[in-house]
Amino acid sequence: MTTNHDLEPAASQAPDMMPILKRTGLIVVFLWFAFGGVAHFALTELEMSIVPPVIPWPRAAVLISGVFELLGAAGILIPATRRAAGIGLFLLTIAVTPANVYMLQHAELFNAPRWVLIARLPFQVVLLAVILWSTASRPGNSSPR
């Protein structure tokens, strides 16, 4: 005798991969901003070299953005602050985009292959999507997981 359970598609019996993928996304975002934030302090002069000349006080810009990268990385580890930290990291990523554009426009000033500078911009779009997706609250749940 066949039951309704026997007729369910195999996909419905597969484990839900979404929590694993979201956790992986959070790990990627955490590592990206934790290492990036540390670099702002460990390699301040290098980081300052990519600040477009139109930005006043490049050292302050690098150090302040480094603080926010570290705060955001820490914030996504705490479920209660994860969403707010994700929004902050999203906005910060947009705010530092002029540095990436400046590097591409003046590639001769930097010791990086041009293809890396070109690939960095679409990668940034992917990073923005991963930040939003991995830090979003789960549907039907008011607290982020």
N, C-alpha and C. Protein backbone atom coordinates (compact mmCIF):
# COMPACT_ATOMS: atom_id res chain seq x y z
N MET A 1 0.84 -1.18 0.00
CA MET A 1 0.00 0.00 0.00
C MET A 1 0.89 1.24 0.00
N THR A 2 0.54 2.21 -0.81
CA THR A 2 1.31 3.43 -0.95
C THR A 2 0.69 4.51 -0.08
N THR A 3 1.54 5.23 0.67
CA THR A 3 1.05 6.34 1.49
C THR A 3 1.46 7.65 0.85
N ASN A 4 0.85 8.73 1.30
CA ASN A 4 1.22 10.05 0.78
C ASN A 4 2.69 10.34 1.01
N HIS A 5 3.23 9.84 2.13
CA HIS A 5 4.63 10.07 2.45
C HIS A 5 5.54 9.45 1.39
N ASP A 6 5.14 8.28 0.85
CA ASP A 6 5.95 7.61 -0.17
C ASP A 6 5.96 8.39 -1.48
N LEU A 7 4.95 9.22 -1.71
CA LEU A 7 4.85 9.95 -2.96
C LEU A 7 5.53 11.32 -2.92
N GLU A 8 6.01 11.74 -1.74
CA GLU A 8 6.68 13.04 -1.63
C GLU A 8 7.97 13.02 -2.42
N PRO A 9 8.28 14.14 -3.07
CA PRO A 9 9.53 14.21 -3.82
C PRO A 9 10.73 14.07 -2.90
N ALA A 10 11.80 13.54 -3.45
CA ALA A 10 13.01 13.32 -2.67
C ALA A 10 13.55 14.61 -2.09
N ALA A 11 13.36 15.72 -2.80
CA ALA A 11 13.89 17.00 -2.32
C ALA A 11 13.28 17.40 -0.99
N SER A 12 12.02 17.04 -0.77
CA SER A 12 11.39 17.42 0.49
C SER A 12 11.95 16.60 1.65
N GLN A 13 12.61 15.50 1.36
CA GLN A 13 13.21 14.68 2.42
C GLN A 13 14.67 15.04 2.65
N ALA A 14 15.23 15.91 1.82
CA ALA A 14 16.62 16.33 1.97
C ALA A 14 16.73 17.31 3.14
N PRO A 15 17.89 17.36 3.77
CA PRO A 15 18.06 18.31 4.87
C PRO A 15 18.02 19.75 4.36
N ASP A 16 17.56 20.65 5.19
CA ASP A 16 17.49 22.06 4.84
C ASP A 16 18.89 22.65 4.88
N MET A 17 19.42 23.03 3.73
CA MET A 17 20.78 23.55 3.62
C MET A 17 20.86 25.05 3.95
N MET A 18 19.71 25.71 4.01
CA MET A 18 19.73 27.16 4.19
C MET A 18 20.45 27.60 5.46
N PRO A 19 20.21 26.99 6.62
CA PRO A 19 20.95 27.43 7.81
C PRO A 19 22.47 27.27 7.65
N ILE A 20 22.90 26.22 6.99
CA ILE A 20 24.33 26.00 6.79
C ILE A 20 24.89 27.07 5.85
N LEU A 21 24.16 27.37 4.78
CA LEU A 21 24.62 28.39 3.84
C LEU A 21 24.65 29.77 4.48
N LYS A 22 23.62 30.08 5.30
CA LYS A 22 23.60 31.38 5.98
C LYS A 22 24.75 31.48 6.97
N ARG A 23 25.02 30.42 7.70
CA ARG A 23 26.14 30.43 8.66
C ARG A 23 27.46 30.60 7.90
N THR A 24 27.58 29.94 6.77
CA THR A 24 28.79 30.09 5.94
C THR A 24 28.92 31.54 5.47
N GLY A 25 27.81 32.13 5.04
CA GLY A 25 27.82 33.54 4.64
C GLY A 25 28.25 34.44 5.78
N LEU A 26 27.74 34.19 6.98
CA LEU A 26 28.14 34.98 8.14
C LEU A 26 29.63 34.84 8.43
N ILE A 27 30.14 33.65 8.30
CA ILE A 27 31.57 33.42 8.54
C ILE A 27 32.40 34.20 7.53
N VAL A 28 31.99 34.15 6.27
CA VAL A 28 32.72 34.88 5.21
C VAL A 28 32.70 36.38 5.51
N VAL A 29 31.51 36.90 5.83
CA VAL A 29 31.39 38.34 6.11
C VAL A 29 32.22 38.70 7.35
N PHE A 30 32.12 37.88 8.40
CA PHE A 30 32.91 38.15 9.61
C PHE A 30 34.40 38.20 9.29
N LEU A 31 34.89 37.17 8.61
CA LEU A 31 36.33 37.12 8.31
C LEU A 31 36.76 38.29 7.43
N TRP A 32 35.95 38.60 6.43
CA TRP A 32 36.28 39.70 5.52
C TRP A 32 36.48 41.01 6.29
N PHE A 33 35.54 41.31 7.17
CA PHE A 33 35.61 42.58 7.89
C PHE A 33 36.54 42.54 9.10
N ALA A 34 36.69 41.40 9.73
CA ALA A 34 37.63 41.30 10.85
C ALA A 34 39.06 41.49 10.34
N PHE A 35 39.42 40.76 9.29
CA PHE A 35 40.77 40.93 8.72
C PHE A 35 40.94 42.32 8.12
N GLY A 36 39.92 42.79 7.42
CA GLY A 36 39.98 44.12 6.83
C GLY A 36 40.13 45.20 7.89
N GLY A 37 39.39 45.09 8.98
CA GLY A 37 39.48 46.06 10.06
C GLY A 37 40.86 46.08 10.69
N VAL A 38 41.42 44.90 10.92
CA VAL A 38 42.77 44.82 11.48
C VAL A 38 43.77 45.45 10.51
N ALA A 39 43.59 45.21 9.22
CA ALA A 39 44.50 45.77 8.21
C ALA A 39 44.51 47.30 8.25
N HIS A 40 43.40 47.89 8.60
CA HIS A 40 43.34 49.35 8.68
C HIS A 40 44.30 49.89 9.73
N PHE A 41 44.58 49.08 10.75
CA PHE A 41 45.50 49.51 11.82
C PHE A 41 46.91 48.98 11.60
N ALA A 42 47.03 47.77 11.09
CA ALA A 42 48.34 47.15 10.88
C ALA A 42 49.03 47.70 9.63
N LEU A 43 48.24 48.08 8.63
CA LEU A 43 48.78 48.56 7.35
C LEU A 43 48.19 49.92 7.00
N THR A 44 48.19 50.81 7.97
CA THR A 44 47.52 52.10 7.81
C THR A 44 48.03 52.88 6.61
N GLU A 45 49.33 52.93 6.43
CA GLU A 45 49.89 53.69 5.30
C GLU A 45 49.43 53.11 3.96
N LEU A 46 49.43 51.79 3.86
CA LEU A 46 48.97 51.13 2.63
C LEU A 46 47.49 51.45 2.40
N GLU A 47 46.71 51.32 3.43
CA GLU A 47 45.27 51.62 3.31
C GLU A 47 45.06 53.08 2.92
N MET A 48 45.86 53.97 3.46
CA MET A 48 45.74 55.40 3.13
C MET A 48 46.05 55.66 1.66
N SER A 49 46.90 54.84 1.08
CA SER A 49 47.29 55.07 -0.32
C SER A 49 46.14 54.87 -1.30
N ILE A 50 45.11 54.16 -0.90
CA ILE A 50 43.98 53.94 -1.81
C ILE A 50 42.84 54.92 -1.57
N VAL A 51 42.97 55.77 -0.56
CA VAL A 51 41.93 56.78 -0.32
C VAL A 51 42.05 57.85 -1.41
N PRO A 52 40.96 58.11 -2.12
CA PRO A 52 41.01 59.13 -3.18
C PRO A 52 41.43 60.48 -2.60
N PRO A 53 42.21 61.24 -3.35
CA PRO A 53 42.70 62.53 -2.85
C PRO A 53 41.60 63.51 -2.47
N VAL A 54 40.40 63.34 -3.02
CA VAL A 54 39.31 64.26 -2.68
C VAL A 54 38.76 64.03 -1.27
N ILE A 55 39.12 62.92 -0.66
CA ILE A 55 38.65 62.61 0.70
C ILE A 55 39.62 63.29 1.68
N PRO A 56 39.10 64.21 2.52
CA PRO A 56 40.00 64.86 3.48
C PRO A 56 40.40 63.91 4.61
N TRP A 57 41.54 64.15 5.19
CA TRP A 57 42.04 63.39 6.34
C TRP A 57 42.03 61.88 6.09
N PRO A 58 42.85 61.43 5.16
CA PRO A 58 42.86 60.00 4.81
C PRO A 58 43.19 59.08 5.99
N ARG A 59 44.09 59.50 6.88
CA ARG A 59 44.41 58.66 8.04
C ARG A 59 43.17 58.47 8.92
N ALA A 60 42.48 59.55 9.19
CA ALA A 60 41.26 59.45 10.00
C ALA A 60 40.22 58.58 9.30
N ALA A 61 40.08 58.75 7.98
CA ALA A 61 39.11 57.94 7.23
C ALA A 61 39.44 56.46 7.34
N VAL A 62 40.72 56.12 7.24
CA VAL A 62 41.14 54.72 7.32
C VAL A 62 40.91 54.17 8.73
N LEU A 63 41.30 54.92 9.74
CA LEU A 63 41.16 54.43 11.11
C LEU A 63 39.70 54.33 11.53
N ILE A 64 38.90 55.31 11.17
CA ILE A 64 37.47 55.27 11.51
C ILE A 64 36.78 54.12 10.79
N SER A 65 37.07 53.95 9.50
CA SER A 65 36.43 52.83 8.78
C SER A 65 36.91 51.50 9.34
N GLY A 66 38.16 51.43 9.80
CA GLY A 66 38.65 50.21 10.43
C GLY A 66 37.90 49.89 11.71
N VAL A 67 37.63 50.91 12.51
CA VAL A 67 36.84 50.71 13.74
C VAL A 67 35.47 50.16 13.39
N PHE A 68 34.83 50.77 12.38
CA PHE A 68 33.49 50.32 12.00
C PHE A 68 33.50 48.91 11.41
N GLU A 69 34.56 48.55 10.68
CA GLU A 69 34.66 47.18 10.17
C GLU A 69 34.74 46.19 11.34
N LEU A 70 35.55 46.51 12.34
CA LEU A 70 35.69 45.62 13.50
C LEU A 70 34.39 45.56 14.31
N LEU A 71 33.75 46.70 14.51
CA LEU A 71 32.47 46.71 15.23
C LEU A 71 31.41 45.90 14.48
N GLY A 72 31.37 46.08 13.16
CA GLY A 72 30.40 45.33 12.36
C GLY A 72 30.66 43.84 12.40
N ALA A 73 31.93 43.45 12.32
CA ALA A 73 32.29 42.03 12.38
C ALA A 73 31.86 41.44 13.72
N ALA A 74 32.13 42.18 14.80
CA ALA A 74 31.72 41.70 16.13
C ALA A 74 30.19 41.68 16.23
N GLY A 75 29.55 42.70 15.67
CA GLY A 75 28.09 42.81 15.77
C GLY A 75 27.33 41.69 15.10
N ILE A 76 27.87 41.14 14.01
CA ILE A 76 27.13 40.06 13.35
C ILE A 76 27.25 38.75 14.10
N LEU A 77 28.15 38.67 15.08
CA LEU A 77 28.27 37.46 15.89
C LEU A 77 27.19 37.38 16.95
N ILE A 78 26.57 38.50 17.25
CA ILE A 78 25.55 38.58 18.30
C ILE A 78 24.18 38.63 17.65
N PRO A 79 23.36 37.60 17.85
CA PRO A 79 22.05 37.58 17.17
C PRO A 79 21.23 38.85 17.37
N ALA A 80 21.26 39.45 18.54
CA ALA A 80 20.46 40.64 18.81
C ALA A 80 20.92 41.86 18.01
N THR A 81 22.18 41.89 17.61
CA THR A 81 22.71 43.05 16.87
C THR A 81 23.04 42.71 15.41
N ARG A 82 22.81 41.47 15.03
CA ARG A 82 23.23 41.00 13.70
C ARG A 82 22.64 41.83 12.57
N ARG A 83 21.35 42.08 12.60
CA ARG A 83 20.71 42.81 11.49
C ARG A 83 21.25 44.23 11.39
N ALA A 84 21.33 44.93 12.54
CA ALA A 84 21.84 46.30 12.53
C ALA A 84 23.29 46.33 12.06
N ALA A 85 24.09 45.38 12.51
CA ALA A 85 25.49 45.31 12.09
C ALA A 85 25.58 45.03 10.59
N GLY A 86 24.70 44.18 10.09
CA GLY A 86 24.69 43.89 8.66
C GLY A 86 24.36 45.12 7.83
N ILE A 87 23.39 45.89 8.29
CA ILE A 87 23.04 47.13 7.58
C ILE A 87 24.22 48.10 7.63
N GLY A 88 24.87 48.19 8.79
CA GLY A 88 26.04 49.05 8.92
C GLY A 88 27.17 48.63 7.99
N LEU A 89 27.43 47.33 7.91
CA LEU A 89 28.49 46.84 7.02
C LEU A 89 28.12 47.06 5.56
N PHE A 90 26.86 46.92 5.24
CA PHE A 90 26.39 47.19 3.88
C PHE A 90 26.68 48.65 3.52
N LEU A 91 26.28 49.58 4.40
CA LEU A 91 26.50 51.01 4.15
C LEU A 91 27.99 51.34 4.11
N LEU A 92 28.76 50.73 4.99
CA LEU A 92 30.20 50.96 5.00
C LEU A 92 30.84 50.49 3.69
N THR A 93 30.40 49.35 3.20
CA THR A 93 30.93 48.82 1.94
C THR A 93 30.64 49.78 0.79
N ILE A 94 29.45 50.35 0.78
CA ILE A 94 29.13 51.36 -0.23
C ILE A 94 30.01 52.60 -0.05
N ALA A 95 30.22 53.00 1.20
CA ALA A 95 31.00 54.20 1.48
C ALA A 95 32.46 54.08 1.03
N VAL A 96 33.01 52.87 1.06
CA VAL A 96 34.42 52.71 0.67
C VAL A 96 34.58 52.39 -0.82
N THR A 97 33.48 52.29 -1.54
CA THR A 97 33.55 52.00 -2.97
C THR A 97 34.40 53.02 -3.74
N PRO A 98 34.37 54.31 -3.40
CA PRO A 98 35.23 55.25 -4.13
C PRO A 98 36.72 54.85 -4.10
N ALA A 99 37.17 54.21 -3.04
CA ALA A 99 38.57 53.77 -2.99
C ALA A 99 38.83 52.70 -4.04
N ASN A 100 37.87 51.79 -4.23
CA ASN A 100 38.03 50.74 -5.24
C ASN A 100 38.01 51.33 -6.65
N VAL A 101 37.14 52.30 -6.87
CA VAL A 101 37.05 52.96 -8.17
C VAL A 101 38.34 53.75 -8.43
N TYR A 102 38.83 54.44 -7.41
CA TYR A 102 40.08 55.20 -7.54
C TYR A 102 41.24 54.27 -7.91
N MET A 103 41.30 53.12 -7.27
CA MET A 103 42.37 52.17 -7.60
C MET A 103 42.28 51.73 -9.05
N LEU A 104 41.09 51.48 -9.53
CA LEU A 104 40.92 51.05 -10.92
C LEU A 104 41.28 52.19 -11.88
N GLN A 105 40.88 53.41 -11.56
CA GLN A 105 41.16 54.55 -12.42
C GLN A 105 42.65 54.90 -12.46
N HIS A 106 43.37 54.55 -11.39
CA HIS A 106 44.79 54.88 -11.29
C HIS A 106 45.60 53.62 -10.99
N ALA A 107 45.34 52.60 -11.78
CA ALA A 107 45.97 51.29 -11.56
C ALA A 107 47.49 51.36 -11.57
N GLU A 108 48.04 52.31 -12.31
CA GLU A 108 49.50 52.42 -12.40
C GLU A 108 50.13 52.79 -11.05
N LEU A 109 49.34 53.31 -10.12
CA LEU A 109 49.86 53.68 -8.79
C LEU A 109 49.93 52.50 -7.83
N PHE A 110 49.31 51.40 -8.21
CA PHE A 110 49.18 50.27 -7.28
C PHE A 110 49.83 49.02 -7.86
N ASN A 111 50.39 48.24 -6.99
CA ASN A 111 51.06 47.01 -7.40
C ASN A 111 50.05 45.86 -7.38
N ALA A 112 49.08 45.94 -8.28
CA ALA A 112 48.05 44.90 -8.37
C ALA A 112 47.71 44.70 -9.83
N PRO A 113 47.48 43.46 -10.23
CA PRO A 113 47.08 43.22 -11.62
C PRO A 113 45.76 43.94 -11.93
N ARG A 114 45.67 44.51 -13.11
CA ARG A 114 44.47 45.25 -13.49
C ARG A 114 43.21 44.38 -13.40
N TRP A 115 43.32 43.10 -13.76
CA TRP A 115 42.15 42.22 -13.72
C TRP A 115 41.61 42.10 -12.29
N VAL A 116 42.50 42.15 -11.29
CA VAL A 116 42.05 42.07 -9.89
C VAL A 116 41.24 43.32 -9.54
N LEU A 117 41.71 44.47 -10.00
CA LEU A 117 41.01 45.72 -9.73
C LEU A 117 39.66 45.76 -10.43
N ILE A 118 39.59 45.17 -11.61
CA ILE A 118 38.32 45.10 -12.35
C ILE A 118 37.37 44.13 -11.66
N ALA A 119 37.88 42.97 -11.28
CA ALA A 119 37.05 41.94 -10.64
C ALA A 119 36.55 42.38 -9.27
N ARG A 120 37.26 43.30 -8.65
CA ARG A 120 36.91 43.74 -7.30
C ARG A 120 35.53 44.40 -7.25
N LEU A 121 35.16 45.11 -8.30
CA LEU A 121 33.88 45.82 -8.29
C LEU A 121 32.68 44.86 -8.33
N PRO A 122 32.64 43.88 -9.25
CA PRO A 122 31.51 42.95 -9.18
C PRO A 122 31.56 42.09 -7.91
N PHE A 123 32.77 41.80 -7.43
CA PHE A 123 32.87 41.07 -6.16
C PHE A 123 32.21 41.87 -5.04
N GLN A 124 32.35 43.18 -5.08
CA GLN A 124 31.76 44.01 -4.05
C GLN A 124 30.23 43.90 -4.08
N VAL A 125 29.66 43.79 -5.27
CA VAL A 125 28.21 43.60 -5.39
C VAL A 125 27.80 42.27 -4.74
N VAL A 126 28.57 41.23 -4.99
CA VAL A 126 28.31 39.93 -4.37
C VAL A 126 28.44 40.05 -2.86
N LEU A 127 29.48 40.73 -2.39
CA LEU A 127 29.67 40.92 -0.95
C LEU A 127 28.47 41.63 -0.34
N LEU A 128 27.98 42.67 -1.00
CA LEU A 128 26.80 43.38 -0.50
C LEU A 128 25.60 42.44 -0.37
N ALA A 129 25.40 41.60 -1.37
CA ALA A 129 24.29 40.65 -1.33
C ALA A 129 24.46 39.65 -0.19
N VAL A 130 25.67 39.15 -0.01
CA VAL A 130 25.92 38.17 1.07
C VAL A 130 25.72 38.82 2.43
N ILE A 131 26.15 40.07 2.58
CA ILE A 131 25.95 40.77 3.85
C ILE A 131 24.46 40.84 4.17
N LEU A 132 23.67 41.33 3.23
CA LEU A 132 22.23 41.47 3.48
C LEU A 132 21.55 40.13 3.72
N TRP A 133 21.88 39.16 2.90
CA TRP A 133 21.22 37.86 3.01
C TRP A 133 21.59 37.14 4.30
N SER A 134 22.87 37.12 4.64
CA SER A 134 23.31 36.33 5.79
C SER A 134 22.95 36.98 7.12
N THR A 135 22.70 38.29 7.12
CA THR A 135 22.37 38.96 8.38
C THR A 135 20.87 39.23 8.51
N ALA A 136 20.09 38.82 7.53
CA ALA A 136 18.64 39.04 7.57
C ALA A 136 18.00 38.13 8.61
N SER A 137 16.90 38.62 9.17
CA SER A 137 16.12 37.79 10.09
C SER A 137 15.44 36.69 9.30
N ARG A 138 15.23 35.58 9.95
CA ARG A 138 14.50 34.49 9.30
C ARG A 138 13.03 34.85 9.23
N PRO A 139 12.33 34.51 8.15
CA PRO A 139 10.90 34.81 8.04
C PRO A 139 10.14 34.18 9.20
N GLY A 140 9.21 34.96 9.75
CA GLY A 140 8.40 34.46 10.85
C GLY A 140 9.14 34.46 12.18
N ASN A 141 10.31 35.06 12.22
CA ASN A 141 11.11 35.09 13.45
C ASN A 141 11.58 36.51 13.64
N SER A 142 11.22 37.13 14.75
CA SER A 142 11.59 38.52 14.96
C SER A 142 13.05 38.70 15.36
N SER A 143 13.68 37.64 15.82
CA SER A 143 15.09 37.77 16.21
C SER A 143 15.97 37.10 15.17
N PRO A 144 17.06 37.77 14.76
CA PRO A 144 17.96 37.17 13.78
C PRO A 144 18.64 35.94 14.35
N ARG A 145 18.98 35.01 13.48
CA ARG A 145 19.68 33.81 13.93
C ARG A 145 21.02 33.74 13.30
